[in-house]
Amino acid sequence: MITHIVMWSFKNEASEDIKQQNIQKFADMLNALPACIQEIKYFEVGVKNSSSPQDSMDVVLISKFSSWSDLKAYAIHPEHQKVVAFAKEVIQERAVTDYES
């Protein structure tokens, strides 16, 4: 099983409301992916719900795939690429790790 973990921090916009709207739209886009990408075996999206300055990431994704080729199929899937395009507009920082268990 391949586990794919990604964390994102969002750009600070002119107002906190815009940042929160971007976070919600991004989370909604992510949550729509399992319905259209059959390679996904497990998918969990978490959105930060604290205002602690120690929390540097706003959204986390934990997903699982049967193989490295399934993870690659997910990465290049057109619906995933739409999420990537939106992320490029609103994301400040991204951290990712993949491992096999």
PDB file of N, CA and C in Angstrom:
ATOM      1  N   MET A   1       0.855  -1.178   0.000  1.00  0.00           N
ATOM      2  CA  MET A   1       0.000   0.000   0.000  1.00  0.00           C
ATOM      3  C   MET A   1       0.897   1.235   0.000  1.00  0.00           C
ATOM      4  N   ILE A   2       0.560   2.197  -0.829  1.00  0.00           N
ATOM      5  CA  ILE A   2       1.294   3.462  -0.921  1.00  0.00           C
ATOM      6  C   ILE A   2       0.484   4.529  -0.197  1.00  0.00           C
ATOM      7  N   THR A   3       1.121   5.197   0.736  1.00  0.00           N
ATOM      8  CA  THR A   3       0.477   6.311   1.440  1.00  0.00           C
ATOM      9  C   THR A   3       1.065   7.610   0.906  1.00  0.00           C
ATOM     10  N   HIS A   4       0.177   8.525   0.588  1.00  0.00           N
ATOM     11  CA  HIS A   4       0.523   9.834   0.004  1.00  0.00           C
ATOM     12  C   HIS A   4      -0.025  10.903   0.945  1.00  0.00           C
ATOM     13  N   ILE A   5       0.878  11.675   1.553  1.00  0.00           N
ATOM     14  CA  ILE A   5       0.475  12.723   2.491  1.00  0.00           C
ATOM     15  C   ILE A   5       0.941  14.060   1.944  1.00  0.00           C
ATOM     16  N   VAL A   6       0.016  15.008   1.888  1.00  0.00           N
ATOM     17  CA  VAL A   6       0.338  16.351   1.403  1.00  0.00           C
ATOM     18  C   VAL A   6      -0.239  17.364   2.384  1.00  0.00           C
ATOM     19  N   MET A   7       0.522  18.414   2.660  1.00  0.00           N
ATOM     20  CA  MET A   7       0.050  19.515   3.508  1.00  0.00           C
ATOM     21  C   MET A   7       0.270  20.817   2.760  1.00  0.00           C
ATOM     22  N   TRP A   8      -0.679  21.730   2.930  1.00  0.00           N
ATOM     23  CA  TRP A   8      -0.618  23.013   2.243  1.00  0.00           C
ATOM     24  C   TRP A   8      -0.855  24.161   3.219  1.00  0.00           C
ATOM     25  N   SER A   9      -0.145  25.249   2.987  1.00  0.00           N
ATOM     26  CA  SER A   9      -0.494  26.510   3.643  1.00  0.00           C
ATOM     27  C   SER A   9      -0.921  27.461   2.532  1.00  0.00           C
ATOM     28  N   PHE A  10      -1.916  28.258   2.842  1.00  0.00           N
ATOM     29  CA  PHE A  10      -2.513  29.140   1.854  1.00  0.00           C
ATOM     30  C   PHE A  10      -1.946  30.548   1.960  1.00  0.00           C
ATOM     31  N   LYS A  11      -1.950  31.238   0.831  1.00  0.00           N
ATOM     32  CA  LYS A  11      -1.508  32.621   0.800  1.00  0.00           C
ATOM     33  C   LYS A  11      -2.410  33.467   1.682  1.00  0.00           C
ATOM     34  N   ASN A  12      -1.809  34.411   2.376  1.00  0.00           N
ATOM     35  CA  ASN A  12      -2.596  35.381   3.140  1.00  0.00           C
ATOM     36  C   ASN A  12      -3.103  36.419   2.155  1.00  0.00           C
ATOM     37  N   GLU A  13      -4.404  36.438   1.998  1.00  0.00           N
ATOM     38  CA  GLU A  13      -5.032  37.357   1.054  1.00  0.00           C
ATOM     39  C   GLU A  13      -5.353  38.676   1.755  1.00  0.00           C
ATOM     40  N   ALA A  14      -6.042  39.543   1.051  1.00  0.00           N
ATOM     41  CA  ALA A  14      -6.392  40.853   1.599  1.00  0.00           C
ATOM     42  C   ALA A  14      -7.236  40.730   2.855  1.00  0.00           C
ATOM     43  N   SER A  15      -8.014  39.657   2.940  1.00  0.00           N
ATOM     44  CA  SER A  15      -8.819  39.452   4.135  1.00  0.00           C
ATOM     45  C   SER A  15      -8.822  37.974   4.492  1.00  0.00           C
ATOM     46  N   GLU A  16      -9.029  37.692   5.759  1.00  0.00           N
ATOM     47  CA  GLU A  16      -9.093  36.302   6.224  1.00  0.00           C
ATOM     48  C   GLU A  16     -10.263  35.571   5.567  1.00  0.00           C
ATOM     49  N   ASP A  17     -11.337  36.297   5.244  1.00  0.00           N
ATOM     50  CA  ASP A  17     -12.498  35.670   4.607  1.00  0.00           C
ATOM     51  C   ASP A  17     -12.124  35.056   3.256  1.00  0.00           C
ATOM     52  N   ILE A  18     -11.339  35.768   2.463  1.00  0.00           N
ATOM     53  CA  ILE A  18     -10.934  35.253   1.153  1.00  0.00           C
ATOM     54  C   ILE A  18     -10.078  34.008   1.331  1.00  0.00           C
ATOM     55  N   LYS A  19      -9.167  34.045   2.279  1.00  0.00           N
ATOM     56  CA  LYS A  19      -8.330  32.869   2.547  1.00  0.00           C
ATOM     57  C   LYS A  19      -9.212  31.687   2.934  1.00  0.00           C
ATOM     58  N   GLN A  20     -10.160  31.884   3.811  1.00  0.00           N
ATOM     59  CA  GLN A  20     -11.044  30.797   4.242  1.00  0.00           C
ATOM     60  C   GLN A  20     -11.902  30.284   3.083  1.00  0.00           C
ATOM     61  N   GLN A  21     -12.336  31.175   2.204  1.00  0.00           N
ATOM     62  CA  GLN A  21     -13.103  30.752   1.021  1.00  0.00           C
ATOM     63  C   GLN A  21     -12.238  29.872   0.117  1.00  0.00           C
ATOM     64  N   ASN A  22     -10.977  30.260  -0.070  1.00  0.00           N
ATOM     65  CA  ASN A  22     -10.055  29.469  -0.888  1.00  0.00           C
ATOM     66  C   ASN A  22      -9.813  28.098  -0.266  1.00  0.00           C
ATOM     67  N   ILE A  23      -9.640  28.060   1.051  1.00  0.00           N
ATOM     68  CA  ILE A  23      -9.432  26.793   1.749  1.00  0.00           C
ATOM     69  C   ILE A  23     -10.649  25.894   1.558  1.00  0.00           C
ATOM     70  N   GLN A  24     -11.846  26.429   1.723  1.00  0.00           N
ATOM     71  CA  GLN A  24     -13.054  25.620   1.589  1.00  0.00           C
ATOM     72  C   GLN A  24     -13.224  25.114   0.165  1.00  0.00           C
ATOM     73  N   LYS A  25     -12.991  25.976  -0.817  1.00  0.00           N
ATOM     74  CA  LYS A  25     -13.112  25.557  -2.220  1.00  0.00           C
ATOM     75  C   LYS A  25     -12.115  24.449  -2.519  1.00  0.00           C
ATOM     76  N   PHE A  26     -10.891  24.602  -2.038  1.00  0.00           N
ATOM     77  CA  PHE A  26      -9.842  23.608  -2.260  1.00  0.00           C
ATOM     78  C   PHE A  26     -10.226  22.273  -1.617  1.00  0.00           C
ATOM     79  N   ALA A  27     -10.687  22.316  -0.375  1.00  0.00           N
ATOM     80  CA  ALA A  27     -11.106  21.088   0.324  1.00  0.00           C
ATOM     81  C   ALA A  27     -12.261  20.416  -0.418  1.00  0.00           C
ATOM     82  N   ASP A  28     -13.210  21.196  -0.897  1.00  0.00           N
ATOM     83  CA  ASP A  28     -14.337  20.646  -1.653  1.00  0.00           C
ATOM     84  C   ASP A  28     -13.857  19.975  -2.945  1.00  0.00           C
ATOM     85  N   MET A  29     -12.920  20.611  -3.627  1.00  0.00           N
ATOM     86  CA  MET A  29     -12.373  20.037  -4.854  1.00  0.00           C
ATOM     87  C   MET A  29     -11.667  18.713  -4.556  1.00  0.00           C
ATOM     88  N   LEU A  30     -10.870  18.710  -3.493  1.00  0.00           N
ATOM     89  CA  LEU A  30     -10.184  17.469  -3.113  1.00  0.00           C
ATOM     90  C   LEU A  30     -11.198  16.374  -2.790  1.00  0.00           C
ATOM     91  N   ASN A  31     -12.185  16.702  -1.989  1.00  0.00           N
ATOM     92  CA  ASN A  31     -13.162  15.708  -1.551  1.00  0.00           C
ATOM     93  C   ASN A  31     -13.980  15.126  -2.705  1.00  0.00           C
ATOM     94  N   ALA A  32     -14.021  15.796  -3.834  1.00  0.00           N
ATOM     95  CA  ALA A  32     -14.738  15.289  -5.003  1.00  0.00           C
ATOM     96  C   ALA A  32     -13.930  14.248  -5.777  1.00  0.00           C
ATOM     97  N   LEU A  33     -12.634  14.164  -5.539  1.00  0.00           N
ATOM     98  CA  LEU A  33     -11.775  13.291  -6.341  1.00  0.00           C
ATOM     99  C   LEU A  33     -12.062  11.796  -6.201  1.00  0.00           C
ATOM    100  N   PRO A  34     -12.324  11.265  -5.008  1.00  0.00           N
ATOM    101  CA  PRO A  34     -12.551   9.818  -4.920  1.00  0.00           C
ATOM    102  C   PRO A  34     -13.706   9.308  -5.781  1.00  0.00           C
ATOM    103  N   ALA A  35     -14.683  10.141  -6.037  1.00  0.00           N
ATOM    104  CA  ALA A  35     -15.825   9.728  -6.860  1.00  0.00           C
ATOM    105  C   ALA A  35     -15.456   9.548  -8.330  1.00  0.00           C
ATOM    106  N   CYS A  36     -14.357  10.149  -8.753  1.00  0.00           N
ATOM    107  CA  CYS A  36     -14.012  10.076 -10.176  1.00  0.00           C
ATOM    108  C   CYS A  36     -12.642   9.460 -10.459  1.00  0.00           C
ATOM    109  N   ILE A  37     -11.891   9.106  -9.424  1.00  0.00           N
ATOM    110  CA  ILE A  37     -10.573   8.487  -9.630  1.00  0.00           C
ATOM    111  C   ILE A  37     -10.575   7.141  -8.915  1.00  0.00           C
ATOM    112  N   GLN A  38     -10.719   6.084  -9.692  1.00  0.00           N
ATOM    113  CA  GLN A  38     -10.900   4.750  -9.124  1.00  0.00           C
ATOM    114  C   GLN A  38      -9.669   4.208  -8.414  1.00  0.00           C
ATOM    115  N   GLU A  39      -8.504   4.739  -8.693  1.00  0.00           N
ATOM    116  CA  GLU A  39      -7.276   4.243  -8.067  1.00  0.00           C
ATOM    117  C   GLU A  39      -7.181   4.593  -6.577  1.00  0.00           C
ATOM    118  N   ILE A  40      -7.957   5.564  -6.126  1.00  0.00           N
ATOM    119  CA  ILE A  40      -7.922   5.979  -4.728  1.00  0.00           C
ATOM    120  C   ILE A  40      -8.560   4.885  -3.868  1.00  0.00           C
ATOM    121  N   LYS A  41      -7.800   4.413  -2.870  1.00  0.00           N
ATOM    122  CA  LYS A  41      -8.312   3.387  -1.947  1.00  0.00           C
ATOM    123  C   LYS A  41      -8.753   4.001  -0.620  1.00  0.00           C
ATOM    124  N   TYR A  42      -8.147   5.093  -0.233  1.00  0.00           N
ATOM    125  CA  TYR A  42      -8.493   5.796   1.011  1.00  0.00           C
ATOM    126  C   TYR A  42      -8.201   7.267   0.780  1.00  0.00           C
ATOM    127  N   PHE A  43      -9.043   8.145   1.336  1.00  0.00           N
ATOM    128  CA  PHE A  43      -8.878   9.578   1.082  1.00  0.00           C
ATOM    129  C   PHE A  43      -9.451  10.357   2.249  1.00  0.00           C
ATOM    130  N   GLU A  44      -8.623  11.134   2.899  1.00  0.00           N
ATOM    131  CA  GLU A  44      -9.053  11.948   4.041  1.00  0.00           C
ATOM    132  C   GLU A  44      -8.475  13.351   3.909  1.00  0.00           C
ATOM    133  N   VAL A  45      -9.346  14.330   3.976  1.00  0.00           N
ATOM    134  CA  VAL A  45      -8.944  15.734   3.900  1.00  0.00           C
ATOM    135  C   VAL A  45      -9.231  16.375   5.254  1.00  0.00           C
ATOM    136  N   GLY A  46      -8.234  17.028   5.822  1.00  0.00           N
ATOM    137  CA  GLY A  46      -8.421  17.736   7.082  1.00  0.00           C
ATOM    138  C   GLY A  46      -8.128  19.211   6.907  1.00  0.00           C
ATOM    139  N   VAL A  47      -8.967  20.039   7.512  1.00  0.00           N
ATOM    140  CA  VAL A  47      -8.799  21.490   7.465  1.00  0.00           C
ATOM    141  C   VAL A  47      -8.527  21.972   8.883  1.00  0.00           C
ATOM    142  N   LYS A  48      -7.487  22.760   9.035  1.00  0.00           N
ATOM    143  CA  LYS A  48      -7.104  23.300  10.337  1.00  0.00           C
ATOM    144  C   LYS A  48      -8.285  24.047  10.952  1.00  0.00           C
ATOM    145  N   ASN A  49      -8.533  23.781  12.220  1.00  0.00           N
ATOM    146  CA  ASN A  49      -9.645  24.476  12.875  1.00  0.00           C
ATOM    147  C   ASN A  49      -9.188  25.247  14.101  1.00  0.00           C
ATOM    148  N   SER A  50      -7.909  25.551  14.132  1.00  0.00           N
ATOM    149  CA  SER A  50      -7.402  26.376  15.227  1.00  0.00           C
ATOM    150  C   SER A  50      -6.709  27.598  14.653  1.00  0.00           C
ATOM    151  N   SER A  51      -6.579  28.593  15.468  1.00  0.00           N
ATOM    152  CA  SER A  51      -5.897  29.806  15.014  1.00  0.00           C
ATOM    153  C   SER A  51      -4.517  29.917  15.644  1.00  0.00           C
ATOM    154  N   SER A  52      -3.990  28.803  16.101  1.00  0.00           N
ATOM    155  CA  SER A  52      -2.673  28.800  16.734  1.00  0.00           C
ATOM    156  C   SER A  52      -1.599  29.220  15.732  1.00  0.00           C
ATOM    157  N   PRO A  53      -0.753  30.156  16.114  1.00  0.00           N
ATOM    158  CA  PRO A  53       0.319  30.568  15.202  1.00  0.00           C
ATOM    159  C   PRO A  53       1.336  29.459  14.972  1.00  0.00           C
ATOM    160  N   GLN A  54       1.320  28.434  15.818  1.00  0.00           N
ATOM    161  CA  GLN A  54       2.243  27.304  15.646  1.00  0.00           C
ATOM    162  C   GLN A  54       1.802  26.390  14.510  1.00  0.00           C
ATOM    163  N   ASP A  55       0.541  26.459  14.118  1.00  0.00           N
ATOM    164  CA  ASP A  55       0.041  25.649  13.015  1.00  0.00           C
ATOM    165  C   ASP A  55       0.400  26.330  11.705  1.00  0.00           C
ATOM    166  N   SER A  56       1.351  25.762  10.981  1.00  0.00           N
ATOM    167  CA  SER A  56       1.802  26.411   9.756  1.00  0.00           C
ATOM    168  C   SER A  56       1.065  25.922   8.516  1.00  0.00           C
ATOM    169  N   MET A  57       0.368  24.804   8.612  1.00  0.00           N
ATOM    170  CA  MET A  57      -0.331  24.253   7.458  1.00  0.00           C
ATOM    171  C   MET A  57      -1.834  24.362   7.667  1.00  0.00           C
ATOM    172  N   ASP A  58      -2.547  24.631   6.580  1.00  0.00           N
ATOM    173  CA  ASP A  58      -3.989  24.856   6.644  1.00  0.00           C
ATOM    174  C   ASP A  58      -4.813  23.622   6.274  1.00  0.00           C
ATOM    175  N   VAL A  59      -4.301  22.807   5.358  1.00  0.00           N
ATOM    176  CA  VAL A  59      -5.029  21.635   4.877  1.00  0.00           C
ATOM    177  C   VAL A  59      -4.057  20.468   4.782  1.00  0.00           C
ATOM    178  N   VAL A  60      -4.559  19.278   5.125  1.00  0.00           N
ATOM    179  CA  VAL A  60      -3.766  18.057   4.987  1.00  0.00           C
ATOM    180  C   VAL A  60      -4.582  17.020   4.237  1.00  0.00           C
ATOM    181  N   LEU A  61      -3.895  16.242   3.415  1.00  0.00           N
ATOM    182  CA  LEU A  61      -4.501  15.130   2.688  1.00  0.00           C
ATOM    183  C   LEU A  61      -3.727  13.865   3.018  1.00  0.00           C
ATOM    184  N   ILE A  62      -4.459  12.838   3.404  1.00  0.00           N
ATOM    185  CA  ILE A  62      -3.875  11.511   3.579  1.00  0.00           C
ATOM    186  C   ILE A  62      -4.631  10.598   2.626  1.00  0.00           C
ATOM    187  N   SER A  63      -3.900  10.003   1.698  1.00  0.00           N
ATOM    188  CA  SER A  63      -4.545   9.119   0.727  1.00  0.00           C
ATOM    189  C   SER A  63      -3.711   7.859   0.555  1.00  0.00           C
ATOM    190  N   LYS A  64      -4.378   6.806   0.098  1.00  0.00           N
ATOM    191  CA  LYS A  64      -3.705   5.518  -0.074  1.00  0.00           C
ATOM    192  C   LYS A  64      -4.044   4.938  -1.436  1.00  0.00           C
ATOM    193  N   PHE A  65      -3.035   4.235  -1.989  1.00  0.00           N
ATOM    194  CA  PHE A  65      -3.140   3.635  -3.308  1.00  0.00           C
ATOM    195  C   PHE A  65      -2.535   2.241  -3.258  1.00  0.00           C
ATOM    196  N   SER A  66      -2.999   1.368  -4.106  1.00  0.00           N
ATOM    197  CA  SER A  66      -2.508  -0.011  -4.121  1.00  0.00           C
ATOM    198  C   SER A  66      -1.083  -0.127  -4.638  1.00  0.00           C
ATOM    199  N   SER A  67      -0.673   0.796  -5.505  1.00  0.00           N
ATOM    200  CA  SER A  67       0.658   0.694  -6.126  1.00  0.00           C
ATOM    201  C   SER A  67       1.174   2.087  -6.492  1.00  0.00           C
ATOM    202  N   TRP A  68       2.452   2.118  -6.807  1.00  0.00           N
ATOM    203  CA  TRP A  68       3.055   3.378  -7.262  1.00  0.00           C
ATOM    204  C   TRP A  68       2.424   3.813  -8.583  1.00  0.00           C
ATOM    205  N   SER A  69       2.092   2.867  -9.437  1.00  0.00           N
ATOM    206  CA  SER A  69       1.467   3.236 -10.716  1.00  0.00           C
ATOM    207  C   SER A  69       0.065   3.808 -10.501  1.00  0.00           C
ATOM    208  N   ASP A  70      -0.654   3.347  -9.473  1.00  0.00           N
ATOM    209  CA  ASP A  70      -1.954   3.942  -9.160  1.00  0.00           C
ATOM    210  C   ASP A  70      -1.792   5.378  -8.657  1.00  0.00           C
ATOM    211  N   LEU A  71      -0.760   5.619  -7.864  1.00  0.00           N
ATOM    212  CA  LEU A  71      -0.485   6.986  -7.403  1.00  0.00           C
ATOM    213  C   LEU A  71      -0.165   7.882  -8.600  1.00  0.00           C
ATOM    214  N   LYS A  72       0.606   7.371  -9.542  1.00  0.00           N
ATOM    215  CA  LYS A  72       0.938   8.148 -10.737  1.00  0.00           C
ATOM    216  C   LYS A  72      -0.323   8.432 -11.564  1.00  0.00           C
ATOM    217  N   ALA A  73      -1.199   7.431 -11.696  1.00  0.00           N
ATOM    218  CA  ALA A  73      -2.453   7.636 -12.442  1.00  0.00           C
ATOM    219  C   ALA A  73      -3.289   8.730 -11.790  1.00  0.00           C
ATOM    220  N   TYR A  74      -3.324   8.741 -10.461  1.00  0.00           N
ATOM    221  CA  TYR A  74      -4.025   9.797  -9.716  1.00  0.00           C
ATOM    222  C   TYR A  74      -3.410  11.159 -10.021  1.00  0.00           C
ATOM    223  N   ALA A  75      -2.083  11.214  -9.986  1.00  0.00           N
ATOM    224  CA  ALA A  75      -1.383  12.490 -10.165  1.00  0.00           C
ATOM    225  C   ALA A  75      -1.659  13.126 -11.522  1.00  0.00           C
ATOM    226  N   ILE A  76      -1.800  12.309 -12.544  1.00  0.00           N
ATOM    227  CA  ILE A  76      -1.995  12.867 -13.896  1.00  0.00           C
ATOM    228  C   ILE A  76      -3.457  12.908 -14.326  1.00  0.00           C
ATOM    229  N   HIS A  77      -4.348  12.420 -13.473  1.00  0.00           N
ATOM    230  CA  HIS A  77      -5.772  12.410 -13.820  1.00  0.00           C
ATOM    231  C   HIS A  77      -6.257  13.848 -14.062  1.00  0.00           C
ATOM    232  N   PRO A  78      -7.066  14.082 -15.089  1.00  0.00           N
ATOM    233  CA  PRO A  78      -7.540  15.446 -15.408  1.00  0.00           C
ATOM    234  C   PRO A  78      -8.257  16.145 -14.257  1.00  0.00           C
ATOM    235  N   GLU A  79      -9.040  15.411 -13.472  1.00  0.00           N
ATOM    236  CA  GLU A  79      -9.728  16.046 -12.341  1.00  0.00           C
ATOM    237  C   GLU A  79      -8.738  16.478 -11.264  1.00  0.00           C
ATOM    238  N   HIS A  80      -7.714  15.678 -11.043  1.00  0.00           N
ATOM    239  CA  HIS A  80      -6.672  16.065 -10.087  1.00  0.00           C
ATOM    240  C   HIS A  80      -5.912  17.278 -10.604  1.00  0.00           C
ATOM    241  N   GLN A  81      -5.683  17.325 -11.898  1.00  0.00           N
ATOM    242  CA  GLN A  81      -4.963  18.450 -12.490  1.00  0.00           C
ATOM    243  C   GLN A  81      -5.730  19.759 -12.336  1.00  0.00           C
ATOM    244  N   LYS A  82      -7.053  19.706 -12.275  1.00  0.00           N
ATOM    245  CA  LYS A  82      -7.853  20.912 -12.009  1.00  0.00           C
ATOM    246  C   LYS A  82      -7.581  21.420 -10.595  1.00  0.00           C
ATOM    247  N   VAL A  83      -7.447  20.497  -9.655  1.00  0.00           N
ATOM    248  CA  VAL A  83      -7.126  20.880  -8.279  1.00  0.00           C
ATOM    249  C   VAL A  83      -5.727  21.489  -8.229  1.00  0.00           C
ATOM    250  N   VAL A  84      -4.794  20.892  -8.932  1.00  0.00           N
ATOM    251  CA  VAL A  84      -3.418  21.405  -8.990  1.00  0.00           C
ATOM    252  C   VAL A  84      -3.404  22.829  -9.550  1.00  0.00           C
ATOM    253  N   ALA A  85      -4.167  23.074 -10.598  1.00  0.00           N
ATOM    254  CA  ALA A  85      -4.207  24.412 -11.209  1.00  0.00           C
ATOM    255  C   ALA A  85      -4.730  25.444 -10.218  1.00  0.00           C
ATOM    256  N   PHE A  86      -5.793  25.100  -9.483  1.00  0.00           N
ATOM    257  CA  PHE A  86      -6.316  26.026  -8.472  1.00  0.00           C
ATOM    258  C   PHE A  86      -5.288  26.239  -7.367  1.00  0.00           C
ATOM    259  N   ALA A  87      -4.634  25.167  -6.954  1.00  0.00           N
ATOM    260  CA  ALA A  87      -3.622  25.260  -5.891  1.00  0.00           C
ATOM    261  C   ALA A  87      -2.513  26.246  -6.265  1.00  0.00           C
ATOM    262  N   LYS A  88      -2.102  26.234  -7.494  1.00  0.00           N
ATOM    263  CA  LYS A  88      -1.029  27.139  -7.929  1.00  0.00           C
ATOM    264  C   LYS A  88      -1.406  28.598  -7.730  1.00  0.00           C
ATOM    265  N   GLU A  89      -2.696  28.892  -7.718  1.00  0.00           N
ATOM    266  CA  GLU A  89      -3.167  30.265  -7.531  1.00  0.00           C
ATOM    267  C   GLU A  89      -3.211  30.672  -6.058  1.00  0.00           C
ATOM    268  N   VAL A  90      -3.461  29.721  -5.160  1.00  0.00           N
ATOM    269  CA  VAL A  90      -3.787  30.079  -3.772  1.00  0.00           C
ATOM    270  C   VAL A  90      -2.831  29.520  -2.711  1.00  0.00           C
ATOM    271  N   ILE A  91      -1.944  28.635  -3.089  1.00  0.00           N
ATOM    272  CA  ILE A  91      -1.061  27.973  -2.128  1.00  0.00           C
ATOM    273  C   ILE A  91       0.249  28.738  -1.963  1.00  0.00           C
ATOM    274  N   GLN A  92       0.642  28.876  -0.714  1.00  0.00           N
ATOM    275  CA  GLN A  92       1.919  29.507  -0.396  1.00  0.00           C
ATOM    276  C   GLN A  92       3.028  28.460  -0.264  1.00  0.00           C
ATOM    277  N   GLU A  93       2.700  27.348   0.396  1.00  0.00           N
ATOM    278  CA  GLU A  93       3.703  26.326   0.660  1.00  0.00           C
ATOM    279  C   GLU A  93       3.045  24.954   0.597  1.00  0.00           C
ATOM    280  N   ARG A  94       3.830  23.972   0.161  1.00  0.00           N
ATOM    281  CA  ARG A  94       3.352  22.588   0.048  1.00  0.00           C
ATOM    282  C   ARG A  94       4.444  21.655   0.552  1.00  0.00           C
ATOM    283  N   ALA A  95       4.033  20.649   1.304  1.00  0.00           N
ATOM    284  CA  ALA A  95       4.958  19.607   1.758  1.00  0.00           C
ATOM    285  C   ALA A  95       4.315  18.265   1.427  1.00  0.00           C
ATOM    286  N   VAL A  96       5.116  17.320   0.948  1.00  0.00           N
ATOM    287  CA  VAL A  96       4.574  16.024   0.552  1.00  0.00           C
ATOM    288  C   VAL A  96       5.535  14.916   0.924  1.00  0.00           C
ATOM    289  N   THR A  97       4.974  13.761   1.268  1.00  0.00           N
ATOM    290  CA  THR A  97       5.768  12.556   1.441  1.00  0.00           C
ATOM    291  C   THR A  97       4.946  11.361   0.993  1.00  0.00           C
ATOM    292  N   ASP A  98       5.614  10.405   0.410  1.00  0.00           N
ATOM    293  CA  ASP A  98       5.001   9.155  -0.035  1.00  0.00           C
ATOM    294  C   ASP A  98       5.820   8.020   0.548  1.00  0.00           C
ATOM    295  N   TYR A  99       5.139   6.971   0.998  1.00  0.00           N
ATOM    296  CA  TYR A  99       5.869   5.810   1.497  1.00  0.00           C
ATOM    297  C   TYR A  99       5.070   4.542   1.267  1.00  0.00           C
ATOM    298  N   GLU A 100       5.779   3.436   1.243  1.00  0.00           N
ATOM    299  CA  GLU A 100       5.157   2.135   1.037  1.00  0.00           C
ATOM    300  C   GLU A 100       5.129   1.369   2.344  1.00  0.00           C
ATOM    301  N   SER A 101       3.984   0.769   2.621  1.00  0.00           N
ATOM    302  CA  SER A 101       3.879  -0.026   3.855  1.00  0.00           C
ATOM    303  C   SER A 101       3.314  -1.398   3.578  1.00  0.00           C
TER     304      SER A 101
END
